[in-house]
Amino acid sequence: MSTLGDPSQELINFPRDVKHAIETRLHVPYVDLRPLTGGTNNRTFMAKHESHAWVVRLEAVGGVQLRRACAAQMLARRAGVAVPEIVAFELDADNTQQYFWMIEMLIPGVHFEPMAFDQPERNALAFHLGQQLRMLHSITVDAFGLMPPDPWDMTQPTFAAWIEHEMTRIPRALKLAGMDLGSVYLGGDAK
């Protein structure tokens, strides 16, 4: 869970054009922004307007982490996993934008401390978390490798193709590690 960070950081680091776009998408005249520690790319903020609150995540245009997080969160939500609702996002850049951004509903709460609960409550929580993980791990994606977007062309259409692709990377990794490729068995017929 993120926590509030230094309030003065907002004045220095939050882009005005993004703030305006967020206010427009939320249909509010203004939002107060405060940094939250942690989160995607460590560029996570709480946006508040009157009694409403949201979490805003930023990433420099060209990055892939926020786009992957948004895609994964939408897949998880559709599968019934308890994740925050994404309210709005801008993940397509034109020549004038410097940041991708995403807005999600703020889920109020406190840091989870399992030992603060009695054993029956911990058992119920563990069961519930297990249900959530089961739903999360039942999600299928269209390929194997990285969650889209994949600018490095690592995602493959089948598991076998992904393994074959990964095997092609082993010689370079061994070389970078200073190892002799001839001394390592990589499978297949021994010669």
N, C-alpha and C. Protein backbone atom coordinates (compact mmCIF):
# COMPACT_ATOMS: atom_id res chain seq x y z
N MET A 1 0.84 -1.17 0.00
CA MET A 1 0.00 0.00 0.00
C MET A 1 0.89 1.24 0.00
N SER A 2 0.53 2.23 -0.75
CA SER A 2 1.29 3.47 -0.80
C SER A 2 0.92 4.34 0.39
N THR A 3 1.84 5.19 0.77
CA THR A 3 1.57 6.14 1.84
C THR A 3 1.88 7.54 1.33
N LEU A 4 1.32 8.53 1.99
CA LEU A 4 1.56 9.91 1.57
C LEU A 4 3.03 10.25 1.72
N GLY A 5 3.55 10.91 0.71
CA GLY A 5 4.94 11.35 0.73
C GLY A 5 5.03 12.83 1.05
N ASP A 6 6.11 13.43 0.65
CA ASP A 6 6.38 14.84 0.91
C ASP A 6 5.43 15.71 0.10
N PRO A 7 4.55 16.52 0.76
CA PRO A 7 3.59 17.34 0.02
C PRO A 7 4.24 18.36 -0.91
N SER A 8 5.45 18.81 -0.62
CA SER A 8 6.11 19.80 -1.48
C SER A 8 6.53 19.21 -2.81
N GLN A 9 6.64 17.87 -2.91
CA GLN A 9 7.05 17.22 -4.15
C GLN A 9 6.06 17.49 -5.27
N GLU A 10 4.78 17.59 -4.94
CA GLU A 10 3.74 17.79 -5.94
C GLU A 10 3.98 19.06 -6.74
N LEU A 11 4.38 20.14 -6.09
CA LEU A 11 4.57 21.40 -6.78
C LEU A 11 5.72 21.34 -7.77
N ILE A 12 6.72 20.54 -7.48
CA ILE A 12 7.90 20.46 -8.33
C ILE A 12 7.72 19.46 -9.45
N ASN A 13 7.11 18.31 -9.17
CA ASN A 13 7.16 17.18 -10.10
C ASN A 13 5.92 16.90 -10.92
N PHE A 14 4.76 17.43 -10.59
CA PHE A 14 3.57 17.02 -11.32
C PHE A 14 3.34 17.93 -12.52
N PRO A 15 3.28 17.35 -13.72
CA PRO A 15 3.12 18.14 -14.95
C PRO A 15 1.75 18.83 -15.03
N ARG A 16 1.75 20.10 -15.33
CA ARG A 16 0.50 20.88 -15.39
C ARG A 16 -0.46 20.36 -16.45
N ASP A 17 0.07 19.98 -17.62
CA ASP A 17 -0.83 19.51 -18.69
C ASP A 17 -1.52 18.21 -18.29
N VAL A 18 -0.84 17.36 -17.54
CA VAL A 18 -1.45 16.12 -17.07
C VAL A 18 -2.50 16.43 -16.01
N LYS A 19 -2.20 17.36 -15.12
CA LYS A 19 -3.17 17.76 -14.09
C LYS A 19 -4.44 18.27 -14.74
N HIS A 20 -4.30 19.09 -15.75
CA HIS A 20 -5.47 19.62 -16.46
C HIS A 20 -6.25 18.48 -17.14
N ALA A 21 -5.55 17.56 -17.78
CA ALA A 21 -6.21 16.43 -18.45
C ALA A 21 -6.97 15.58 -17.44
N ILE A 22 -6.38 15.37 -16.27
CA ILE A 22 -7.03 14.57 -15.22
C ILE A 22 -8.29 15.27 -14.73
N GLU A 23 -8.20 16.55 -14.48
CA GLU A 23 -9.38 17.31 -14.03
C GLU A 23 -10.49 17.23 -15.08
N THR A 24 -10.10 17.33 -16.34
CA THR A 24 -11.09 17.26 -17.42
C THR A 24 -11.75 15.88 -17.46
N ARG A 25 -10.95 14.80 -17.37
CA ARG A 25 -11.50 13.44 -17.44
C ARG A 25 -12.36 13.11 -16.21
N LEU A 26 -12.02 13.71 -15.06
CA LEU A 26 -12.81 13.48 -13.85
C LEU A 26 -14.01 14.42 -13.74
N HIS A 27 -14.11 15.39 -14.65
CA HIS A 27 -15.21 16.36 -14.65
C HIS A 27 -15.26 17.15 -13.35
N VAL A 28 -14.09 17.59 -12.90
CA VAL A 28 -14.00 18.41 -11.69
C VAL A 28 -13.19 19.67 -12.02
N PRO A 29 -13.47 20.79 -11.33
CA PRO A 29 -12.74 22.03 -11.64
C PRO A 29 -11.27 22.01 -11.20
N TYR A 30 -10.96 21.19 -10.20
CA TYR A 30 -9.57 21.10 -9.73
C TYR A 30 -9.40 19.81 -8.94
N VAL A 31 -8.15 19.38 -8.82
CA VAL A 31 -7.79 18.30 -7.91
C VAL A 31 -6.58 18.75 -7.12
N ASP A 32 -6.57 18.39 -5.86
CA ASP A 32 -5.38 18.56 -5.03
C ASP A 32 -4.57 17.30 -5.18
N LEU A 33 -3.30 17.45 -5.45
CA LEU A 33 -2.42 16.30 -5.68
C LEU A 33 -1.36 16.22 -4.61
N ARG A 34 -1.15 15.01 -4.11
CA ARG A 34 -0.09 14.75 -3.13
C ARG A 34 0.61 13.47 -3.54
N PRO A 35 1.93 13.43 -3.45
CA PRO A 35 2.65 12.21 -3.82
C PRO A 35 2.37 11.07 -2.84
N LEU A 36 2.33 9.86 -3.37
CA LEU A 36 2.28 8.65 -2.56
C LEU A 36 3.61 7.95 -2.75
N THR A 37 4.14 7.36 -1.71
CA THR A 37 5.39 6.64 -1.85
C THR A 37 5.11 5.31 -2.52
N GLY A 38 6.07 4.84 -3.30
CA GLY A 38 5.94 3.55 -3.96
C GLY A 38 5.09 3.65 -5.22
N GLY A 39 4.55 2.53 -5.61
CA GLY A 39 3.69 2.49 -6.79
C GLY A 39 4.49 2.34 -8.07
N THR A 40 3.78 2.27 -9.19
CA THR A 40 4.40 2.11 -10.49
C THR A 40 5.36 3.26 -10.76
N ASN A 41 6.61 2.95 -11.02
CA ASN A 41 7.65 3.94 -11.35
C ASN A 41 7.89 4.98 -10.27
N ASN A 42 7.37 4.76 -9.08
CA ASN A 42 7.52 5.71 -7.98
C ASN A 42 7.00 7.09 -8.39
N ARG A 43 6.02 7.13 -9.28
CA ARG A 43 5.35 8.37 -9.72
C ARG A 43 3.86 8.18 -9.52
N THR A 44 3.47 8.04 -8.25
CA THR A 44 2.09 7.76 -7.88
C THR A 44 1.61 8.87 -6.97
N PHE A 45 0.40 9.36 -7.22
CA PHE A 45 -0.14 10.50 -6.50
C PHE A 45 -1.57 10.23 -6.06
N MET A 46 -1.97 10.89 -4.97
CA MET A 46 -3.37 10.90 -4.58
C MET A 46 -3.96 12.20 -5.11
N ALA A 47 -5.09 12.09 -5.81
CA ALA A 47 -5.82 13.25 -6.30
C ALA A 47 -7.11 13.34 -5.51
N LYS A 48 -7.41 14.53 -4.97
CA LYS A 48 -8.63 14.70 -4.19
C LYS A 48 -9.40 15.91 -4.71
N HIS A 49 -10.71 15.75 -4.71
CA HIS A 49 -11.63 16.86 -4.97
C HIS A 49 -12.80 16.67 -4.04
N GLU A 50 -12.95 17.62 -3.13
CA GLU A 50 -13.99 17.54 -2.11
C GLU A 50 -13.93 16.18 -1.40
N SER A 51 -14.99 15.38 -1.44
CA SER A 51 -14.98 14.11 -0.72
C SER A 51 -14.53 12.93 -1.59
N HIS A 52 -14.11 13.19 -2.82
CA HIS A 52 -13.70 12.14 -3.75
C HIS A 52 -12.17 12.04 -3.78
N ALA A 53 -11.68 10.81 -3.94
CA ALA A 53 -10.23 10.60 -4.00
C ALA A 53 -9.90 9.51 -5.01
N TRP A 54 -8.79 9.69 -5.70
CA TRP A 54 -8.33 8.75 -6.71
C TRP A 54 -6.82 8.57 -6.57
N VAL A 55 -6.30 7.55 -7.21
CA VAL A 55 -4.86 7.34 -7.32
C VAL A 55 -4.48 7.62 -8.77
N VAL A 56 -3.44 8.43 -8.96
CA VAL A 56 -2.96 8.77 -10.29
C VAL A 56 -1.55 8.22 -10.44
N ARG A 57 -1.31 7.53 -11.55
CA ARG A 57 0.01 6.96 -11.82
C ARG A 57 0.53 7.57 -13.12
N LEU A 58 1.81 7.93 -13.13
CA LEU A 58 2.45 8.53 -14.30
C LEU A 58 3.63 7.70 -14.76
N GLU A 59 3.94 7.81 -16.05
CA GLU A 59 5.16 7.23 -16.60
C GLU A 59 5.54 8.06 -17.81
N ALA A 60 6.83 8.28 -17.99
CA ALA A 60 7.29 9.01 -19.15
C ALA A 60 6.88 8.28 -20.42
N VAL A 61 6.49 9.04 -21.43
CA VAL A 61 6.12 8.46 -22.72
C VAL A 61 7.26 7.59 -23.22
N GLY A 62 6.92 6.45 -23.75
CA GLY A 62 7.92 5.49 -24.22
C GLY A 62 8.12 4.35 -23.26
N GLY A 63 7.73 4.54 -22.00
CA GLY A 63 7.85 3.46 -21.02
C GLY A 63 6.80 2.40 -21.25
N VAL A 64 7.01 1.24 -20.67
CA VAL A 64 6.06 0.15 -20.85
C VAL A 64 5.43 -0.33 -19.54
N GLN A 65 6.00 0.04 -18.40
CA GLN A 65 5.53 -0.50 -17.13
C GLN A 65 4.09 -0.10 -16.82
N LEU A 66 3.73 1.16 -17.02
CA LEU A 66 2.37 1.60 -16.71
C LEU A 66 1.37 0.98 -17.68
N ARG A 67 1.73 0.87 -18.94
CA ARG A 67 0.82 0.25 -19.92
C ARG A 67 0.59 -1.22 -19.56
N ARG A 68 1.63 -1.92 -19.13
CA ARG A 68 1.46 -3.31 -18.71
C ARG A 68 0.60 -3.40 -17.45
N ALA A 69 0.86 -2.50 -16.50
CA ALA A 69 0.09 -2.51 -15.25
C ALA A 69 -1.39 -2.26 -15.53
N CYS A 70 -1.68 -1.32 -16.41
CA CYS A 70 -3.07 -1.01 -16.77
C CYS A 70 -3.72 -2.22 -17.43
N ALA A 71 -3.04 -2.84 -18.39
CA ALA A 71 -3.59 -4.01 -19.07
C ALA A 71 -3.84 -5.15 -18.08
N ALA A 72 -2.88 -5.40 -17.20
CA ALA A 72 -3.01 -6.48 -16.22
C ALA A 72 -4.15 -6.20 -15.25
N GLN A 73 -4.28 -4.96 -14.82
CA GLN A 73 -5.33 -4.60 -13.87
C GLN A 73 -6.71 -4.73 -14.50
N MET A 74 -6.84 -4.36 -15.77
CA MET A 74 -8.13 -4.50 -16.45
C MET A 74 -8.48 -5.98 -16.64
N LEU A 75 -7.50 -6.81 -17.00
CA LEU A 75 -7.74 -8.25 -17.12
C LEU A 75 -8.16 -8.84 -15.79
N ALA A 76 -7.46 -8.47 -14.73
CA ALA A 76 -7.76 -8.99 -13.40
C ALA A 76 -9.17 -8.59 -12.96
N ARG A 77 -9.53 -7.35 -13.20
CA ARG A 77 -10.86 -6.89 -12.79
C ARG A 77 -11.95 -7.64 -13.55
N ARG A 78 -11.75 -7.85 -14.84
CA ARG A 78 -12.75 -8.59 -15.64
C ARG A 78 -12.88 -10.03 -15.14
N ALA A 79 -11.82 -10.59 -14.57
CA ALA A 79 -11.85 -11.96 -14.05
C ALA A 79 -12.44 -12.03 -12.65
N GLY A 80 -12.78 -10.87 -12.06
CA GLY A 80 -13.38 -10.86 -10.74
C GLY A 80 -12.42 -10.66 -9.59
N VAL A 81 -11.15 -10.38 -9.90
CA VAL A 81 -10.16 -10.13 -8.86
C VAL A 81 -10.43 -8.75 -8.25
N ALA A 82 -10.30 -8.65 -6.95
CA ALA A 82 -10.57 -7.39 -6.25
C ALA A 82 -9.40 -6.42 -6.45
N VAL A 83 -9.47 -5.66 -7.52
CA VAL A 83 -8.47 -4.63 -7.82
C VAL A 83 -9.21 -3.31 -8.00
N PRO A 84 -8.53 -2.19 -7.80
CA PRO A 84 -9.20 -0.90 -7.97
C PRO A 84 -9.72 -0.70 -9.40
N GLU A 85 -10.84 -0.02 -9.50
CA GLU A 85 -11.42 0.29 -10.80
C GLU A 85 -10.60 1.39 -11.48
N ILE A 86 -10.26 1.18 -12.74
CA ILE A 86 -9.58 2.22 -13.51
C ILE A 86 -10.65 3.16 -14.05
N VAL A 87 -10.51 4.43 -13.71
CA VAL A 87 -11.50 5.44 -14.07
C VAL A 87 -11.19 6.03 -15.44
N ALA A 88 -9.92 6.30 -15.70
CA ALA A 88 -9.51 6.90 -16.97
C ALA A 88 -8.02 6.65 -17.16
N PHE A 89 -7.57 6.72 -18.42
CA PHE A 89 -6.15 6.58 -18.69
C PHE A 89 -5.83 7.22 -20.02
N GLU A 90 -4.57 7.57 -20.18
CA GLU A 90 -4.04 8.06 -21.45
C GLU A 90 -2.73 7.33 -21.67
N LEU A 91 -2.79 6.33 -22.54
CA LEU A 91 -1.61 5.50 -22.79
C LEU A 91 -1.16 5.56 -24.24
N ASP A 92 -1.77 6.43 -25.02
CA ASP A 92 -1.36 6.67 -26.40
C ASP A 92 -0.80 8.08 -26.46
N ALA A 93 0.41 8.21 -26.92
CA ALA A 93 1.07 9.51 -26.91
C ALA A 93 1.06 10.14 -28.29
N ASP A 94 0.92 11.45 -28.30
CA ASP A 94 1.17 12.19 -29.53
C ASP A 94 2.44 13.01 -29.31
N ASN A 95 2.78 13.85 -30.21
CA ASN A 95 4.05 14.58 -30.12
C ASN A 95 4.09 15.62 -29.01
N THR A 96 2.94 15.97 -28.44
CA THR A 96 2.92 17.02 -27.42
C THR A 96 2.99 16.48 -26.00
N GLN A 97 2.73 15.18 -25.81
CA GLN A 97 2.66 14.62 -24.46
C GLN A 97 4.02 14.10 -24.01
N GLN A 98 4.26 14.26 -22.72
CA GLN A 98 5.49 13.74 -22.13
C GLN A 98 5.23 12.58 -21.18
N TYR A 99 3.95 12.36 -20.83
CA TYR A 99 3.63 11.33 -19.85
C TYR A 99 2.42 10.51 -20.26
N PHE A 100 2.48 9.21 -19.94
CA PHE A 100 1.30 8.36 -19.90
C PHE A 100 0.74 8.52 -18.49
N TRP A 101 -0.55 8.33 -18.33
CA TRP A 101 -1.14 8.39 -16.99
C TRP A 101 -2.36 7.50 -16.90
N MET A 102 -2.68 7.15 -15.64
CA MET A 102 -3.83 6.30 -15.33
C MET A 102 -4.43 6.79 -14.02
N ILE A 103 -5.77 6.79 -13.96
CA ILE A 103 -6.49 7.18 -12.73
C ILE A 103 -7.29 5.98 -12.28
N GLU A 104 -7.20 5.65 -11.01
CA GLU A 104 -8.01 4.56 -10.46
C GLU A 104 -8.67 5.03 -9.18
N MET A 105 -9.74 4.35 -8.80
CA MET A 105 -10.42 4.68 -7.56
C MET A 105 -9.48 4.40 -6.38
N LEU A 106 -9.50 5.26 -5.41
CA LEU A 106 -8.72 5.04 -4.19
C LEU A 106 -9.48 4.06 -3.31
N ILE A 107 -8.81 3.02 -2.89
CA ILE A 107 -9.39 2.05 -1.96
C ILE A 107 -8.88 2.42 -0.57
N PRO A 108 -9.76 2.95 0.28
CA PRO A 108 -9.28 3.35 1.61
C PRO A 108 -8.90 2.13 2.44
N GLY A 109 -7.96 2.33 3.32
CA GLY A 109 -7.56 1.23 4.19
C GLY A 109 -6.27 1.56 4.92
N VAL A 110 -5.75 0.56 5.55
CA VAL A 110 -4.51 0.68 6.30
C VAL A 110 -3.58 -0.46 5.88
N HIS A 111 -2.33 -0.36 6.27
CA HIS A 111 -1.39 -1.44 5.98
C HIS A 111 -1.88 -2.72 6.63
N PHE A 112 -1.73 -3.82 5.92
CA PHE A 112 -2.19 -5.11 6.41
C PHE A 112 -1.16 -5.70 7.36
N GLU A 113 -1.57 -5.98 8.56
CA GLU A 113 -0.73 -6.60 9.58
C GLU A 113 -1.40 -7.90 10.01
N PRO A 114 -1.02 -9.04 9.42
CA PRO A 114 -1.72 -10.30 9.72
C PRO A 114 -1.76 -10.65 11.20
N MET A 115 -0.70 -10.34 11.92
CA MET A 115 -0.65 -10.75 13.33
C MET A 115 -1.57 -9.91 14.20
N ALA A 116 -2.15 -8.86 13.64
CA ALA A 116 -3.11 -8.05 14.40
C ALA A 116 -4.48 -8.74 14.47
N PHE A 117 -4.66 -9.83 13.72
CA PHE A 117 -5.93 -10.55 13.68
C PHE A 117 -5.82 -11.84 14.49
N ASP A 118 -6.95 -12.28 15.01
CA ASP A 118 -7.01 -13.58 15.68
C ASP A 118 -6.89 -14.69 14.64
N GLN A 119 -6.56 -15.91 15.09
CA GLN A 119 -6.35 -17.03 14.18
C GLN A 119 -7.54 -17.30 13.26
N PRO A 120 -8.78 -17.30 13.75
CA PRO A 120 -9.91 -17.55 12.84
C PRO A 120 -10.01 -16.47 11.74
N GLU A 121 -9.73 -15.21 12.11
CA GLU A 121 -9.75 -14.14 11.11
C GLU A 121 -8.62 -14.30 10.10
N ARG A 122 -7.43 -14.69 10.58
CA ARG A 122 -6.30 -14.93 9.67
C ARG A 122 -6.62 -16.07 8.70
N ASN A 123 -7.27 -17.12 9.21
CA ASN A 123 -7.65 -18.24 8.34
C ASN A 123 -8.64 -17.78 7.27
N ALA A 124 -9.62 -16.97 7.65
CA ALA A 124 -10.60 -16.47 6.69
C ALA A 124 -9.92 -15.57 5.66
N LEU A 125 -8.98 -14.72 6.12
CA LEU A 125 -8.24 -13.86 5.20
C LEU A 125 -7.39 -14.67 4.23
N ALA A 126 -6.74 -15.70 4.76
CA ALA A 126 -5.91 -16.55 3.90
C ALA A 126 -6.78 -17.25 2.85
N PHE A 127 -7.95 -17.71 3.24
CA PHE A 127 -8.86 -18.35 2.30
C PHE A 127 -9.28 -17.37 1.21
N HIS A 128 -9.64 -16.15 1.63
CA HIS A 128 -10.05 -15.12 0.66
C HIS A 128 -8.91 -14.76 -0.28
N LEU A 129 -7.71 -14.59 0.25
CA LEU A 129 -6.55 -14.30 -0.60
C LEU A 129 -6.29 -15.44 -1.57
N GLY A 130 -6.45 -16.67 -1.11
CA GLY A 130 -6.31 -17.82 -1.99
C GLY A 130 -7.32 -17.79 -3.14
N GLN A 131 -8.55 -17.41 -2.83
CA GLN A 131 -9.56 -17.29 -3.88
C GLN A 131 -9.16 -16.22 -4.90
N GLN A 132 -8.66 -15.10 -4.41
CA GLN A 132 -8.23 -14.02 -5.30
C GLN A 132 -7.08 -14.48 -6.20
N LEU A 133 -6.10 -15.17 -5.61
CA LEU A 133 -4.97 -15.66 -6.40
C LEU A 133 -5.42 -16.70 -7.43
N ARG A 134 -6.38 -17.54 -7.05
CA ARG A 134 -6.89 -18.53 -8.02
C ARG A 134 -7.51 -17.82 -9.21
N MET A 135 -8.32 -16.79 -8.96
CA MET A 135 -8.93 -16.03 -10.06
C MET A 135 -7.84 -15.36 -10.91
N LEU A 136 -6.85 -14.79 -10.23
CA LEU A 136 -5.78 -14.09 -10.94
C LEU A 136 -5.01 -15.05 -11.84
N HIS A 137 -4.70 -16.23 -11.33
CA HIS A 137 -3.91 -17.18 -12.10
C HIS A 137 -4.72 -17.95 -13.14
N SER A 138 -6.02 -17.74 -13.16
CA SER A 138 -6.85 -18.37 -14.20
C SER A 138 -6.97 -17.50 -15.44
N ILE A 139 -6.43 -16.29 -15.39
CA ILE A 139 -6.52 -15.37 -16.53
C ILE A 139 -5.60 -15.86 -17.64
N THR A 140 -6.15 -15.91 -18.84
CA THR A 140 -5.33 -16.28 -19.99
C THR A 140 -5.00 -15.03 -20.79
N VAL A 141 -3.83 -15.03 -21.35
CA VAL A 141 -3.41 -13.95 -22.25
C VAL A 141 -3.13 -14.57 -23.60
N ASP A 142 -3.00 -13.74 -24.61
CA ASP A 142 -2.90 -14.22 -25.99
C ASP A 142 -1.55 -14.80 -26.37
N ALA A 143 -0.55 -14.66 -25.52
CA ALA A 143 0.78 -15.13 -25.90
C ALA A 143 1.57 -15.47 -24.65
N PHE A 144 2.81 -15.93 -24.84
CA PHE A 144 3.71 -16.27 -23.74
C PHE A 144 4.87 -15.30 -23.73
N GLY A 145 5.31 -14.91 -22.56
CA GLY A 145 6.43 -13.99 -22.44
C GLY A 145 6.04 -12.82 -21.57
N LEU A 146 6.11 -11.64 -22.12
CA LEU A 146 5.81 -10.42 -21.38
C LEU A 146 4.37 -9.97 -21.61
N MET A 147 3.80 -9.33 -20.59
CA MET A 147 2.49 -8.70 -20.75
C MET A 147 2.66 -7.57 -21.77
N PRO A 148 1.76 -7.44 -22.75
CA PRO A 148 1.89 -6.36 -23.72
C PRO A 148 1.87 -5.00 -23.04
N PRO A 149 2.53 -4.01 -23.57
CA PRO A 149 3.28 -4.01 -24.82
C PRO A 149 4.66 -4.64 -24.65
N ASP A 150 5.19 -5.15 -25.74
CA ASP A 150 6.49 -5.83 -25.74
C ASP A 150 7.38 -5.22 -26.82
N PRO A 151 8.10 -4.16 -26.51
CA PRO A 151 8.94 -3.52 -27.53
C PRO A 151 10.18 -4.33 -27.89
N TRP A 152 10.46 -5.40 -27.15
CA TRP A 152 11.68 -6.19 -27.40
C TRP A 152 11.40 -7.46 -28.17
N ASP A 153 10.16 -7.67 -28.61
CA ASP A 153 9.77 -8.84 -29.38
C ASP A 153 10.11 -10.15 -28.65
N MET A 154 9.81 -10.20 -27.36
CA MET A 154 10.07 -11.39 -26.57
C MET A 154 8.84 -12.28 -26.46
N THR A 155 7.65 -11.72 -26.69
CA THR A 155 6.42 -12.48 -26.56
C THR A 155 6.26 -13.39 -27.77
N GLN A 156 5.87 -14.62 -27.53
CA GLN A 156 5.75 -15.63 -28.57
C GLN A 156 4.35 -16.23 -28.57
N PRO A 157 3.89 -16.79 -29.70
CA PRO A 157 2.52 -17.29 -29.80
C PRO A 157 2.26 -18.57 -29.02
N THR A 158 3.30 -19.37 -28.75
CA THR A 158 3.11 -20.62 -27.99
C THR A 158 4.21 -20.73 -26.95
N PHE A 159 3.99 -21.61 -25.98
CA PHE A 159 4.99 -21.83 -24.96
C PHE A 159 6.27 -22.40 -25.56
N ALA A 160 6.13 -23.34 -26.49
CA ALA A 160 7.31 -23.94 -27.14
C ALA A 160 8.11 -22.88 -27.88
N ALA A 161 7.42 -21.97 -28.58
CA ALA A 161 8.13 -20.89 -29.29
C ALA A 161 8.83 -19.96 -28.31
N TRP A 162 8.20 -19.72 -27.16
CA TRP A 162 8.82 -18.86 -26.15
C TRP A 162 10.09 -19.50 -25.61
N ILE A 163 10.05 -20.81 -25.31
CA ILE A 163 11.23 -21.53 -24.82
C ILE A 163 12.34 -21.47 -25.87
N GLU A 164 12.00 -21.73 -27.13
CA GLU A 164 12.99 -21.69 -28.21
C GLU A 164 13.62 -20.30 -28.32
N HIS A 165 12.78 -19.27 -28.20
CA HIS A 165 13.29 -17.90 -28.25
C HIS A 165 14.23 -17.62 -27.08
N GLU A 166 13.84 -18.06 -25.89
CA GLU A 166 14.68 -17.84 -24.71
C GLU A 166 16.01 -18.59 -24.84
N MET A 167 15.99 -19.77 -25.43
CA MET A 167 17.23 -20.54 -25.62
C MET A 167 18.23 -19.79 -26.48
N THR A 168 17.75 -19.01 -27.44
CA THR A 168 18.67 -18.25 -28.30
C THR A 168 19.41 -17.17 -27.53
N ARG A 169 18.91 -16.81 -26.36
CA ARG A 169 19.54 -15.76 -25.56
C ARG A 169 20.63 -16.29 -24.62
N ILE A 170 20.69 -17.59 -24.45
CA ILE A 170 21.63 -18.19 -23.50
C ILE A 170 23.09 -17.94 -23.89
N PRO A 171 23.48 -18.13 -25.14
CA PRO A 171 24.90 -17.89 -25.48
C PRO A 171 25.37 -16.47 -25.13
N ARG A 172 24.55 -15.49 -25.41
CA ARG A 172 24.94 -14.10 -25.08
C ARG A 172 25.07 -13.93 -23.56
N ALA A 173 24.14 -14.50 -22.81
CA ALA A 173 24.19 -14.39 -21.35
C ALA A 173 25.45 -15.05 -20.80
N LEU A 174 25.80 -16.22 -21.35
CA LEU A 174 27.02 -16.90 -20.90
C LEU A 174 28.26 -16.08 -21.23
N LYS A 175 28.28 -15.49 -22.42
CA LYS A 175 29.40 -14.66 -22.81
C LYS A 175 29.54 -13.45 -21.88
N LEU A 176 28.41 -12.80 -21.58
CA LEU A 176 28.44 -11.66 -20.67
C LEU A 176 28.93 -12.07 -19.28
N ALA A 177 28.65 -13.32 -18.90
CA ALA A 177 29.08 -13.82 -17.59
C ALA A 177 30.52 -14.32 -17.62
N GLY A 178 31.15 -14.24 -18.80
CA GLY A 178 32.54 -14.67 -18.91
C GLY A 178 32.71 -16.18 -18.95
N MET A 179 31.66 -16.90 -19.32
CA MET A 179 31.72 -18.36 -19.35
C MET A 179 31.98 -18.84 -20.77
N ASP A 180 32.60 -19.99 -20.87
CA ASP A 180 32.89 -20.62 -22.16
C ASP A 180 31.65 -21.38 -22.61
N LEU A 181 31.09 -21.02 -23.76
CA LEU A 181 29.89 -21.64 -24.27
C LEU A 181 30.09 -23.14 -24.49
N GLY A 182 31.26 -23.56 -24.89
CA GLY A 182 31.52 -24.98 -25.17
C GLY A 182 31.45 -25.86 -23.93
N SER A 183 31.56 -25.28 -22.75
CA SER A 183 31.54 -26.09 -21.53
C SER A 183 30.15 -26.25 -20.94
N VAL A 184 29.12 -25.71 -21.61
CA VAL A 184 27.77 -25.74 -21.08
C VAL A 184 26.88 -26.56 -22.00
N TYR A 185 26.18 -27.55 -21.44
CA TYR A 185 25.24 -28.38 -22.21
C TYR A 185 23.90 -27.65 -22.27
N LEU A 186 23.41 -27.38 -23.47
CA LEU A 186 22.15 -26.65 -23.65
C LEU A 186 21.01 -27.55 -24.11
N GLY A 187 21.15 -28.84 -24.02
CA GLY A 187 20.08 -29.75 -24.42
C GLY A 187 20.29 -30.25 -25.83
N GLY A 188 19.40 -31.11 -26.26
CA GLY A 188 19.52 -31.67 -27.60
C GLY A 188 20.47 -32.84 -27.61
N ASP A 189 20.92 -33.22 -28.79
CA ASP A 189 21.82 -34.35 -28.94
C ASP A 189 23.23 -33.99 -28.47
N ALA A 190 23.79 -34.82 -27.62
CA ALA A 190 25.17 -34.62 -27.17
C ALA A 190 26.12 -35.01 -28.28
N LYS A 191 27.11 -34.19 -28.56
CA LYS A 191 28.07 -34.47 -29.63
C LYS A 191 29.46 -34.52 -29.10
